[in-house]
PDB file of N, CA and C in Angstrom:
ATOM      1  N   MET A   1      85.255 169.106 139.590  1.00  0.00           N
ATOM      2  CA  MET A   1      83.733 169.599 140.270  1.00  0.00           C
ATOM      3  C   MET A   1      83.036 169.902 141.295  1.00  0.00           C
ATOM      4  N   LEU A   2      82.781 171.058 140.738  1.00  0.00           N
ATOM      5  CA  LEU A   2      81.967 171.654 141.744  1.00  0.00           C
ATOM      6  C   LEU A   2      80.801 171.206 143.095  1.00  0.00           C
ATOM      7  N   ASN A   3      81.023 171.209 144.207  1.00  0.00           N
ATOM      8  CA  ASN A   3      79.820 171.100 144.847  1.00  0.00           C
ATOM      9  C   ASN A   3      79.181 171.991 145.423  1.00  0.00           C
ATOM     10  N   VAL A   4      77.889 171.713 145.879  1.00  0.00           N
ATOM     11  CA  VAL A   4      76.948 172.933 146.231  1.00  0.00           C
ATOM     12  C   VAL A   4      77.654 173.683 147.481  1.00  0.00           C
ATOM     13  N   ASN A   5      78.121 172.593 148.545  1.00  0.00           N
ATOM     14  CA  ASN A   5      79.381 173.746 149.297  1.00  0.00           C
ATOM     15  C   ASN A   5      79.494 175.005 148.992  1.00  0.00           C
ATOM     16  N   ASP A   6      80.783 174.506 147.876  1.00  0.00           N
ATOM     17  CA  ASP A   6      81.534 175.242 147.519  1.00  0.00           C
ATOM     18  C   ASP A   6      80.636 176.786 146.503  1.00  0.00           C
ATOM     19  N   ILE A   7      79.924 176.182 146.082  1.00  0.00           N
ATOM     20  CA  ILE A   7      78.895 177.114 145.403  1.00  0.00           C
ATOM     21  C   ILE A   7      78.550 178.144 146.171  1.00  0.00           C
ATOM     22  N   MET A   8      77.554 177.762 147.311  1.00  0.00           N
ATOM     23  CA  MET A   8      77.022 178.041 148.301  1.00  0.00           C
ATOM     24  C   MET A   8      78.164 179.418 148.721  1.00  0.00           C
ATOM     25  N   LYS A   9      79.103 178.773 149.097  1.00  0.00           N
ATOM     26  CA  LYS A   9      80.654 180.034 149.882  1.00  0.00           C
ATOM     27  C   LYS A   9      80.741 181.283 148.446  1.00  0.00           C
ATOM     28  N   ARG A  10      80.672 180.645 147.469  1.00  0.00           N
ATOM     29  CA  ARG A  10      80.905 181.595 146.609  1.00  0.00           C
ATOM     30  C   ARG A  10      79.995 182.161 146.361  1.00  0.00           C
ATOM     31  N   ILE A  11      78.831 182.501 146.419  1.00  0.00           N
ATOM     32  CA  ILE A  11      77.527 182.623 146.188  1.00  0.00           C
ATOM     33  C   ILE A  11      77.836 183.910 147.485  1.00  0.00           C
ATOM     34  N   ILE A  12      77.986 183.678 148.848  1.00  0.00           N
ATOM     35  CA  ILE A  12      78.315 184.551 149.814  1.00  0.00           C
ATOM     36  C   ILE A  12      79.343 185.279 149.753  1.00  0.00           C
ATOM     37  N   ILE A  13      80.704 185.054 149.174  1.00  0.00           N
ATOM     38  CA  ILE A  13      81.553 185.564 149.021  1.00  0.00           C
ATOM     39  C   ILE A  13      81.555 186.851 147.645  1.00  0.00           C
ATOM     40  N   VAL A  14      80.961 186.543 146.105  1.00  0.00           N
ATOM     41  CA  VAL A  14      80.424 187.388 145.623  1.00  0.00           C
ATOM     42  C   VAL A  14      79.299 188.649 145.839  1.00  0.00           C
ATOM     43  N   SER A  15      78.192 188.133 146.644  1.00  0.00           N
ATOM     44  CA  SER A  15      77.362 189.099 147.483  1.00  0.00           C
ATOM     45  C   SER A  15      77.798 190.023 148.411  1.00  0.00           C
ATOM     46  N   ILE A  16      78.955 189.663 148.969  1.00  0.00           N
ATOM     47  CA  ILE A  16      79.824 190.536 150.234  1.00  0.00           C
ATOM     48  C   ILE A  16      80.323 191.569 149.113  1.00  0.00           C
ATOM     49  N   VAL A  17      80.815 191.131 147.710  1.00  0.00           N
ATOM     50  CA  VAL A  17      81.843 191.961 147.485  1.00  0.00           C
ATOM     51  C   VAL A  17      80.304 193.082 146.831  1.00  0.00           C
ATOM     52  N   PHE A  18      79.646 192.452 146.068  1.00  0.00           N
ATOM     53  CA  PHE A  18      78.190 193.267 145.617  1.00  0.00           C
ATOM     54  C   PHE A  18      77.839 194.406 147.060  1.00  0.00           C
ATOM     55  N   SER A  19      78.202 194.134 148.319  1.00  0.00           N
ATOM     56  CA  SER A  19      77.370 194.886 149.671  1.00  0.00           C
ATOM     57  C   SER A  19      78.657 195.623 149.179  1.00  0.00           C
ATOM     58  N   ILE A  20      79.771 195.684 149.173  1.00  0.00           N
ATOM     59  CA  ILE A  20      80.803 196.337 149.707  1.00  0.00           C
ATOM     60  C   ILE A  20      81.078 197.431 148.482  1.00  0.00           C
ATOM     61  N   PHE A  21      80.275 197.296 147.552  1.00  0.00           N
ATOM     62  CA  PHE A  21      80.387 198.053 146.289  1.00  0.00           C
ATOM     63  C   PHE A  21      79.052 199.023 146.316  1.00  0.00           C
ATOM     64  N   ALA A  22      77.948 198.368 146.657  1.00  0.00           N
ATOM     65  CA  ALA A  22      76.640 199.215 147.372  1.00  0.00           C
ATOM     66  C   ALA A  22      76.694 200.035 149.102  1.00  0.00           C
ATOM     67  N   LEU A  23      78.104 199.801 149.520  1.00  0.00           N
ATOM     68  CA  LEU A  23      78.564 200.787 150.962  1.00  0.00           C
ATOM     69  C   LEU A  23      78.539 202.142 149.683  1.00  0.00           C
ATOM     70  N   PHE A  24      78.741 202.579 149.294  1.00  0.00           N
ATOM     71  CA  PHE A  24      79.025 203.679 148.053  1.00  0.00           C
ATOM     72  C   PHE A  24      77.834 204.204 147.028  1.00  0.00           C
ATOM     73  N   ILE A  25      76.915 204.172 147.528  1.00  0.00           N
ATOM     74  CA  ILE A  25      75.475 204.459 146.826  1.00  0.00           C
ATOM     75  C   ILE A  25      75.219 205.289 148.237  1.00  0.00           C
ATOM     76  N   ASN A  26      74.117 206.585 147.616  1.00  0.00           N
ATOM     77  CA  ASN A  26      73.047 206.746 148.146  1.00  0.00           C
ATOM     78  C   ASN A  26      71.387 206.073 148.841  1.00  0.00           C
ATOM     79  N   GLU A  27      71.418 204.896 148.425  1.00  0.00           N
ATOM     80  CA  GLU A  27      70.202 204.358 148.694  1.00  0.00           C
ATOM     81  C   GLU A  27      70.808 203.004 149.122  1.00  0.00           C
ATOM     82  N   LYS A  28      72.257 202.615 150.300  1.00  0.00           N
ATOM     83  CA  LYS A  28      72.978 201.477 150.616  1.00  0.00           C
ATOM     84  C   LYS A  28      71.938 200.623 151.306  1.00  0.00           C
ATOM     85  N   MET A  29      70.888 200.975 152.165  1.00  0.00           N
ATOM     86  CA  MET A  29      70.554 200.189 152.792  1.00  0.00           C
ATOM     87  C   MET A  29      69.355 199.116 151.666  1.00  0.00           C
ATOM     88  N   ALA A  30      68.636 199.959 150.744  1.00  0.00           N
ATOM     89  CA  ALA A  30      67.679 199.204 150.330  1.00  0.00           C
ATOM     90  C   ALA A  30      68.445 197.960 148.943  1.00  0.00           C
ATOM     91  N   TYR A  31      69.850 198.518 148.954  1.00  0.00           N
ATOM     92  CA  TYR A  31      71.249 197.698 148.021  1.00  0.00           C
ATOM     93  C   TYR A  31      70.750 196.652 148.276  1.00  0.00           C
ATOM     94  N   ILE A  32      72.002 196.889 149.726  1.00  0.00           N
ATOM     95  CA  ILE A  32      72.246 195.701 150.303  1.00  0.00           C
ATOM     96  C   ILE A  32      71.230 194.904 150.807  1.00  0.00           C
ATOM     97  N   LYS A  33      70.094 195.246 151.216  1.00  0.00           N
ATOM     98  CA  LYS A  33      68.877 194.153 151.559  1.00  0.00           C
ATOM     99  C   LYS A  33      68.459 193.603 150.787  1.00  0.00           C
ATOM    100  N   GLY A  34      68.092 193.990 148.719  1.00  0.00           N
ATOM    101  CA  GLY A  34      68.328 193.186 147.990  1.00  0.00           C
ATOM    102  C   GLY A  34      69.365 192.084 147.746  1.00  0.00           C
ATOM    103  N   ILE A  35      70.356 192.512 148.176  1.00  0.00           N
ATOM    104  CA  ILE A  35      71.592 191.890 147.480  1.00  0.00           C
ATOM    105  C   ILE A  35      71.532 190.331 148.387  1.00  0.00           C
ATOM    106  N   VAL A  36      71.247 190.895 149.812  1.00  0.00           N
ATOM    107  CA  VAL A  36      70.833 189.947 150.512  1.00  0.00           C
ATOM    108  C   VAL A  36      70.532 188.922 150.343  1.00  0.00           C
ATOM    109  N   ALA A  37      68.870 189.513 149.760  1.00  0.00           N
ATOM    110  CA  ALA A  37      67.933 188.767 149.510  1.00  0.00           C
ATOM    111  C   ALA A  37      68.065 187.865 148.640  1.00  0.00           C
ATOM    112  N   GLY A  38      68.547 188.496 147.499  1.00  0.00           N
ATOM    113  CA  GLY A  38      69.164 187.456 145.864  1.00  0.00           C
ATOM    114  C   GLY A  38      69.701 187.017 146.173  1.00  0.00           C
ATOM    115  N   ALA A  39      70.776 186.763 147.393  1.00  0.00           N
ATOM    116  CA  ALA A  39      71.960 185.687 147.819  1.00  0.00           C
ATOM    117  C   ALA A  39      70.956 184.305 148.476  1.00  0.00           C
ATOM    118  N   ILE A  40      69.866 185.006 149.200  1.00  0.00           N
ATOM    119  CA  ILE A  40      69.462 183.909 149.989  1.00  0.00           C
ATOM    120  C   ILE A  40      68.298 182.824 149.330  1.00  0.00           C
ATOM    121  N   LEU A  41      68.084 183.663 147.979  1.00  0.00           N
ATOM    122  CA  LEU A  41      66.946 183.151 146.855  1.00  0.00           C
ATOM    123  C   LEU A  41      68.104 182.367 146.305  1.00  0.00           C
ATOM    124  N   ALA A  42      69.238 182.813 145.898  1.00  0.00           N
ATOM    125  CA  ALA A  42      70.073 182.179 145.241  1.00  0.00           C
ATOM    126  C   ALA A  42      71.244 180.494 145.732  1.00  0.00           C
ATOM    127  N   ILE A  43      70.618 180.043 146.848  1.00  0.00           N
ATOM    128  CA  ILE A  43      71.517 179.688 147.847  1.00  0.00           C
ATOM    129  C   ILE A  43      69.896 178.609 147.479  1.00  0.00           C
ATOM    130  N   VAL A  44      68.695 178.966 148.392  1.00  0.00           N
ATOM    131  CA  VAL A  44      67.687 178.581 148.148  1.00  0.00           C
ATOM    132  C   VAL A  44      67.381 177.528 146.406  1.00  0.00           C
ATOM    133  N   LEU A  45      67.610 178.115 145.461  1.00  0.00           N
ATOM    134  CA  LEU A  45      67.944 178.003 143.912  1.00  0.00           C
ATOM    135  C   LEU A  45      68.880 176.659 143.541  1.00  0.00           C
ATOM    136  N   ILE A  46      69.660 176.961 144.181  1.00  0.00           N
ATOM    137  CA  ILE A  46      71.062 176.101 144.270  1.00  0.00           C
ATOM    138  C   ILE A  46      70.538 174.211 144.990  1.00  0.00           C
ATOM    139  N   LYS A  47      70.016 175.038 146.008  1.00  0.00           N
ATOM    140  CA  LYS A  47      69.621 173.940 146.404  1.00  0.00           C
ATOM    141  C   LYS A  47      68.420 172.826 145.955  1.00  0.00           C
ATOM    142  N   LEU A  48      67.450 173.734 145.838  1.00  0.00           N
ATOM    143  CA  LEU A  48      66.577 172.478 144.866  1.00  0.00           C
ATOM    144  C   LEU A  48      66.885 172.026 143.574  1.00  0.00           C
ATOM    145  N   ILE A  49      68.187 172.523 142.427  1.00  0.00           N
ATOM    146  CA  ILE A  49      68.690 172.476 141.841  1.00  0.00           C
ATOM    147  C   ILE A  49      69.363 170.689 142.163  1.00  0.00           C
ATOM    148  N   GLU A  50      70.295 171.193 143.751  1.00  0.00           N
ATOM    149  CA  GLU A  50      70.839 169.591 143.504  1.00  0.00           C
ATOM    150  C   GLU A  50      69.663 168.176 144.372  1.00  0.00           C
ATOM    151  N   TYR A  51      68.458 168.536 144.738  1.00  0.00           N
ATOM    152  CA  TYR A  51      67.284 168.431 144.974  1.00  0.00           C
ATOM    153  C   TYR A  51      66.970 167.486 143.622  1.00  0.00           C
ATOM    154  N   ASP A  52      66.600 168.363 142.850  1.00  0.00           N
ATOM    155  CA  ASP A  52      65.692 167.559 141.316  1.00  0.00           C
ATOM    156  C   ASP A  52      67.199 166.792 141.022  1.00  0.00           C
ATOM    157  N   ILE A  53      68.358 166.770 140.370  1.00  0.00           N
ATOM    158  CA  ILE A  53      69.378 166.426 139.741  1.00  0.00           C
ATOM    159  C   ILE A  53      69.544 164.331 140.943  1.00  0.00           C
ATOM    160  N   ASN A  54      69.201 165.132 141.784  1.00  0.00           N
ATOM    161  CA  ASN A  54      69.926 163.731 142.767  1.00  0.00           C
ATOM    162  C   ASN A  54      68.958 162.909 142.847  1.00  0.00           C
ATOM    163  N   LYS A  55      67.177 162.990 142.635  1.00  0.00           N
ATOM    164  CA  LYS A  55      66.770 162.029 142.452  1.00  0.00           C
ATOM    165  C   LYS A  55      66.319 161.792 141.370  1.00  0.00           C
ATOM    166  N   LEU A  56      67.035 162.679 139.907  1.00  0.00           N
ATOM    167  CA  LEU A  56      66.927 162.134 138.925  1.00  0.00           C
ATOM    168  C   LEU A  56      67.512 161.058 138.649  1.00  0.00           C
ATOM    169  N   ILE A  57      68.920 161.611 139.169  1.00  0.00           N
ATOM    170  CA  ILE A  57      70.052 160.056 139.383  1.00  0.00           C
ATOM    171  C   ILE A  57      69.259 158.748 139.769  1.00  0.00           C
ATOM    172  N   GLU A  58      68.843 159.053 141.132  1.00  0.00           N
ATOM    173  CA  GLU A  58      68.193 158.046 141.788  1.00  0.00           C
ATOM    174  C   GLU A  58      66.871 157.507 141.107  1.00  0.00           C
ATOM    175  N   LYS A  59      66.811 157.773 140.031  1.00  0.00           N
ATOM    176  CA  LYS A  59      65.413 157.666 139.330  1.00  0.00           C
ATOM    177  C   LYS A  59      64.366 157.619 139.841  1.00  0.00           C
ATOM    178  N   LYS A  60      63.771 158.363 140.970  1.00  0.00           N
ATOM    179  CA  LYS A  60      63.253 158.110 141.976  1.00  0.00           C
ATOM    180  C   LYS A  60      61.734 159.321 141.506  1.00  0.00           C
ATOM    181  N   THR A  61      62.195 160.251 140.572  1.00  0.00           N
ATOM    182  CA  THR A  61      61.564 161.132 139.581  1.00  0.00           C
ATOM    183  C   THR A  61      61.730 160.663 138.004  1.00  0.00           C
ATOM    184  N   ASN A  62      60.618 160.919 137.580  1.00  0.00           N
ATOM    185  CA  ASN A  62      60.406 160.567 136.118  1.00  0.00           C
ATOM    186  C   ASN A  62      61.023 162.789 135.555  1.00  0.00           C
ATOM    187  N   ARG A  63      60.618 162.314 134.322  1.00  0.00           N
ATOM    188  CA  ARG A  63      61.146 163.999 134.101  1.00  0.00           C
ATOM    189  C   ARG A  63      60.229 165.078 133.902  1.00  0.00           C
ATOM    190  N   ILE A  64      59.268 165.127 134.115  1.00  0.00           N
ATOM    191  CA  ILE A  64      57.899 165.677 133.964  1.00  0.00           C
ATOM    192  C   ILE A  64      57.116 166.341 135.376  1.00  0.00           C
ATOM    193  N   ARG A  65      58.675 165.292 136.315  1.00  0.00           N
ATOM    194  CA  ARG A  65      58.101 166.182 137.525  1.00  0.00           C
ATOM    195  C   ARG A  65      59.142 167.206 137.599  1.00  0.00           C
ATOM    196  N   ALA A  66      60.292 166.768 136.926  1.00  0.00           N
ATOM    197  CA  ALA A  66      61.611 167.416 137.286  1.00  0.00           C
ATOM    198  C   ALA A  66      61.371 169.026 136.440  1.00  0.00           C
ATOM    199  N   PHE A  67      60.781 168.741 135.404  1.00  0.00           N
ATOM    200  CA  PHE A  67      60.777 170.248 134.291  1.00  0.00           C
ATOM    201  C   PHE A  67      59.194 171.364 135.145  1.00  0.00           C
ATOM    202  N   ILE A  68      58.447 170.088 135.491  1.00  0.00           N
ATOM    203  CA  ILE A  68      57.172 171.324 136.448  1.00  0.00           C
ATOM    204  C   ILE A  68      58.378 171.988 137.815  1.00  0.00           C
ATOM    205  N   ARG A  69      59.312 170.847 138.594  1.00  0.00           N
ATOM    206  CA  ARG A  69      59.542 171.553 138.801  1.00  0.00           C
ATOM    207  C   ARG A  69      61.076 173.046 138.365  1.00  0.00           C
ATOM    208  N   TYR A  70      61.465 172.685 137.471  1.00  0.00           N
ATOM    209  CA  TYR A  70      62.498 173.984 136.316  1.00  0.00           C
ATOM    210  C   TYR A  70      61.380 175.082 136.347  1.00  0.00           C
ATOM    211  N   ILE A  71      60.257 175.233 136.225  1.00  0.00           N
ATOM    212  CA  ILE A  71      59.321 176.231 135.708  1.00  0.00           C
ATOM    213  C   ILE A  71      58.471 176.559 137.030  1.00  0.00           C
ATOM    214  N   LEU A  72      58.734 175.520 138.041  1.00  0.00           N
ATOM    215  CA  LEU A  72      58.625 176.418 139.587  1.00  0.00           C
ATOM    216  C   LEU A  72      59.138 177.412 140.130  1.00  0.00           C
ATOM    217  N   ARG A  73      60.963 176.184 139.612  1.00  0.00           N
ATOM    218  CA  ARG A  73      62.250 177.495 139.944  1.00  0.00           C
ATOM    219  C   ARG A  73      61.992 179.197 139.762  1.00  0.00           C
ATOM    220  N   PHE A  74      61.398 178.590 137.887  1.00  0.00           N
ATOM    221  CA  PHE A  74      61.363 180.369 137.499  1.00  0.00           C
ATOM    222  C   PHE A  74      60.205 181.417 138.070  1.00  0.00           C
ATOM    223  N   ILE A  75      58.733 180.561 138.556  1.00  0.00           N
ATOM    224  CA  ILE A  75      57.840 181.129 138.895  1.00  0.00           C
ATOM    225  C   ILE A  75      58.813 181.776 140.270  1.00  0.00           C
ATOM    226  N   ILE A  76      59.624 181.671 141.061  1.00  0.00           N
ATOM    227  CA  ILE A  76      59.863 181.215 142.203  1.00  0.00           C
ATOM    228  C   ILE A  76      60.361 183.404 142.430  1.00  0.00           C
ATOM    229  N   ILE A  77      62.062 183.351 140.961  1.00  0.00           N
ATOM    230  CA  ILE A  77      62.268 184.232 140.603  1.00  0.00           C
ATOM    231  C   ILE A  77      61.406 185.043 140.562  1.00  0.00           C
ATOM    232  N   THR A  78      60.564 184.874 139.597  1.00  0.00           N
ATOM    233  CA  THR A  78      59.464 186.216 138.773  1.00  0.00           C
ATOM    234  C   THR A  78      58.849 187.118 140.029  1.00  0.00           C
ATOM    235  N   VAL A  79      58.478 185.936 140.699  1.00  0.00           N
ATOM    236  CA  VAL A  79      57.365 186.823 141.634  1.00  0.00           C
ATOM    237  C   VAL A  79      58.270 187.285 143.209  1.00  0.00           C
ATOM    238  N   PHE A  80      59.273 186.572 142.982  1.00  0.00           N
ATOM    239  CA  PHE A  80      60.521 188.004 144.179  1.00  0.00           C
ATOM    240  C   PHE A  80      60.707 188.809 143.661  1.00  0.00           C
ATOM    241  N   LEU A  81      61.367 189.160 142.470  1.00  0.00           N
ATOM    242  CA  LEU A  81      61.464 190.235 141.321  1.00  0.00           C
ATOM    243  C   LEU A  81      60.555 190.613 141.166  1.00  0.00           C
ATOM    244  N   CYS A  82      59.483 190.864 141.237  1.00  0.00           N
ATOM    245  CA  CYS A  82      57.856 192.163 141.049  1.00  0.00           C
ATOM    246  C   CYS A  82      57.483 192.078 142.428  1.00  0.00           C
ATOM    247  N   ILE A  83      58.046 191.415 143.372  1.00  0.00           N
ATOM    248  CA  ILE A  83      57.775 191.828 145.180  1.00  0.00           C
ATOM    249  C   ILE A  83      58.834 193.125 145.319  1.00  0.00           C
ATOM    250  N   SER A  84      60.032 192.768 144.629  1.00  0.00           N
ATOM    251  CA  SER A  84      61.145 193.489 145.101  1.00  0.00           C
ATOM    252  C   SER A  84      60.952 194.935 144.251  1.00  0.00           C
ATOM    253  N   ALA A  85      60.594 194.630 143.297  1.00  0.00           N
ATOM    254  CA  ALA A  85      60.238 196.087 141.851  1.00  0.00           C
ATOM    255  C   ALA A  85      58.706 196.847 142.609  1.00  0.00           C
ATOM    256  N   TYR A  86      57.725 196.516 143.543  1.00  0.00           N
ATOM    257  CA  TYR A  86      57.377 196.831 144.049  1.00  0.00           C
ATOM    258  C   TYR A  86      57.763 198.144 145.483  1.00  0.00           C
ATOM    259  N   ASP A  87      58.785 197.362 146.080  1.00  0.00           N
ATOM    260  CA  ASP A  87      58.915 197.667 147.449  1.00  0.00           C
ATOM    261  C   ASP A  87      59.900 199.319 146.606  1.00  0.00           C
ATOM    262  N   SER A  88      60.554 198.953 145.914  1.00  0.00           N
ATOM    263  CA  SER A  88      61.802 200.267 144.715  1.00  0.00           C
ATOM    264  C   SER A  88      63.060 199.645 143.828  1.00  0.00           C
ATOM    265  N   MET A  89      62.719 200.240 142.968  1.00  0.00           N
ATOM    266  CA  MET A  89      63.825 200.516 142.390  1.00  0.00           C
ATOM    267  C   MET A  89      65.382 199.666 142.303  1.00  0.00           C
ATOM    268  N   GLU A  90      65.938 200.318 143.233  1.00  0.00           N
ATOM    269  CA  GLU A  90      67.005 199.777 144.115  1.00  0.00           C
ATOM    270  C   GLU A  90      67.422 198.352 145.100  1.00  0.00           C
ATOM    271  N   MET A  91      65.686 198.343 145.396  1.00  0.00           N
ATOM    272  CA  MET A  91      65.456 196.946 146.319  1.00  0.00           C
ATOM    273  C   MET A  91      65.725 195.770 144.739  1.00  0.00           C
ATOM    274  N   LEU A  92      65.136 196.017 143.603  1.00  0.00           N
ATOM    275  CA  LEU A  92      65.154 195.314 141.901  1.00  0.00           C
ATOM    276  C   LEU A  92      66.687 194.953 142.039  1.00  0.00           C
ATOM    277  N   VAL A  93      67.352 196.417 141.701  1.00  0.00           N
ATOM    278  CA  VAL A  93      68.268 196.120 141.293  1.00  0.00           C
ATOM    279  C   VAL A  93      69.480 195.493 142.262  1.00  0.00           C
ATOM    280  N   GLY A  94      69.120 195.068 143.272  1.00  0.00           N
ATOM    281  CA  GLY A  94      70.045 194.800 144.657  1.00  0.00           C
ATOM    282  C   GLY A  94      69.458 192.844 144.315  1.00  0.00           C
ATOM    283  N   VAL A  95      68.418 193.194 144.600  1.00  0.00           N
ATOM    284  CA  VAL A  95      67.785 191.296 144.501  1.00  0.00           C
ATOM    285  C   VAL A  95      68.263 190.931 142.796  1.00  0.00           C
ATOM    286  N   THR A  96      68.369 191.066 141.903  1.00  0.00           N
ATOM    287  CA  THR A  96      68.912 190.741 140.492  1.00  0.00           C
ATOM    288  C   THR A  96      70.818 190.544 140.523  1.00  0.00           C
ATOM    289  N   LEU A  97      71.382 191.346 141.359  1.00  0.00           N
ATOM    290  CA  LEU A  97      72.791 191.276 141.202  1.00  0.00           C
ATOM    291  C   LEU A  97      73.100 189.803 142.219  1.00  0.00           C
ATOM    292  N   GLY A  98      72.151 189.504 143.712  1.00  0.00           N
ATOM    293  CA  GLY A  98      72.125 188.542 144.246  1.00  0.00           C
ATOM    294  C   GLY A  98      71.485 187.852 143.707  1.00  0.00           C
ATOM    295  N   ILE A  99      70.729 186.903 143.539  1.00  0.00           N
ATOM    296  CA  ILE A  99      70.896 186.181 141.599  1.00  0.00           C
ATOM    297  C   ILE A  99      71.117 185.959 141.000  1.00  0.00           C
ATOM    298  N   LEU A 100      71.839 187.387 140.398  1.00  0.00           N
ATOM    299  CA  LEU A 100      72.525 186.676 139.496  1.00  0.00           C
ATOM    300  C   LEU A 100      74.408 186.526 139.933  1.00  0.00           C
ATOM    301  N   SER A 101      74.399 186.387 141.858  1.00  0.00           N
ATOM    302  CA  SER A 101      75.974 186.273 142.078  1.00  0.00           C
ATOM    303  C   SER A 101      75.694 184.541 142.221  1.00  0.00           C
ATOM    304  N   LEU A 102      74.478 183.636 142.036  1.00  0.00           N
ATOM    305  CA  LEU A 102      74.658 182.263 141.713  1.00  0.00           C
ATOM    306  C   LEU A 102      75.437 182.228 140.380  1.00  0.00           C
ATOM    307  N   LYS A 103      75.254 182.619 138.850  1.00  0.00           N
ATOM    308  CA  LYS A 103      76.090 182.547 137.757  1.00  0.00           C
ATOM    309  C   LYS A 103      77.711 182.797 137.860  1.00  0.00           C
ATOM    310  N   ILE A 104      77.034 183.875 138.715  1.00  0.00           N
ATOM    311  CA  ILE A 104      78.996 184.002 138.857  1.00  0.00           C
ATOM    312  C   ILE A 104      79.698 183.180 139.558  1.00  0.00           C
ATOM    313  N   ALA A 105      79.151 183.324 140.722  1.00  0.00           N
ATOM    314  CA  ALA A 105      80.284 181.660 141.610  1.00  0.00           C
ATOM    315  C   ALA A 105      79.844 181.076 140.053  1.00  0.00           C
ATOM    316  N   LEU A 106      78.856 180.662 140.218  1.00  0.00           N
ATOM    317  CA  LEU A 106      79.279 179.517 139.814  1.00  0.00           C
ATOM    318  C   LEU A 106      80.102 179.255 138.177  1.00  0.00           C
ATOM    319  N   TYR A 107      81.094 180.361 137.271  1.00  0.00           N
ATOM    320  CA  TYR A 107      81.440 180.724 136.486  1.00  0.00           C
ATOM    321  C   TYR A 107      83.176 180.715 137.029  1.00  0.00           C
ATOM    322  N   SER A 108      82.971 181.061 138.371  1.00  0.00           N
ATOM    323  CA  SER A 108      84.389 181.558 138.948  1.00  0.00           C
ATOM    324  C   SER A 108      84.926 180.172 139.862  1.00  0.00           C
ATOM    325  N   GLY A 109      84.135 179.051 139.755  1.00  0.00           N
ATOM    326  CA  GLY A 109      84.080 177.753 140.159  1.00  0.00           C
ATOM    327  C   GLY A 109      84.714 177.260 138.748  1.00  0.00           C
ATOM    328  N   VAL A 110      83.800 177.333 137.656  1.00  0.00           N
ATOM    329  CA  VAL A 110      84.427 176.522 136.200  1.00  0.00           C
ATOM    330  C   VAL A 110      85.935 177.252 136.139  1.00  0.00           C
ATOM    331  N   LEU A 111      86.151 178.306 135.651  1.00  0.00           N
ATOM    332  CA  LEU A 111      87.252 179.074 135.719  1.00  0.00           C
ATOM    333  C   LEU A 111      88.800 178.814 136.597  1.00  0.00           C
ATOM    334  N   SER A 112      87.841 178.484 138.203  1.00  0.00           N
ATOM    335  CA  SER A 112      89.149 178.598 139.071  1.00  0.00           C
ATOM    336  C   SER A 112      89.375 176.729 138.929  1.00  0.00           C
ATOM    337  N   LYS A 113      88.629 175.988 138.543  1.00  0.00           N
ATOM    338  CA  LYS A 113      88.986 174.585 138.695  1.00  0.00           C
ATOM    339  C   LYS A 113      89.804 174.248 136.892  1.00  0.00           C
ATOM    340  N   SER A 114      89.777 174.962 136.094  1.00  0.00           N
ATOM    341  CA  SER A 114      90.400 174.735 134.569  1.00  0.00           C
ATOM    342  C   SER A 114      91.974 175.395 134.422  1.00  0.00           C
TER     343      SER A 114
END
């Protein structure tokens, strides 16, 4: 089973790989800023998910509150993407790659464990 610290390390590694590829693009700073911002958001999201899961396991919250926090996470992602789209298209692509680093980190962790 993957723990949150392993997932966060994998997010950072995937983001570094994305940033290295971004060095070969013209507007590299916008991409790199977006990737870093997306990776930070991904780490915050995984910590929020960990908090929700722990509260549900301990029975200190009900399912409705967990669902509301689930919707809140999507609102946070939407606001973050809208702000980055307002800045530039390169920033939007970078933030999207940073957020997707969470998915890549999870899948790579699951595949490496099996």
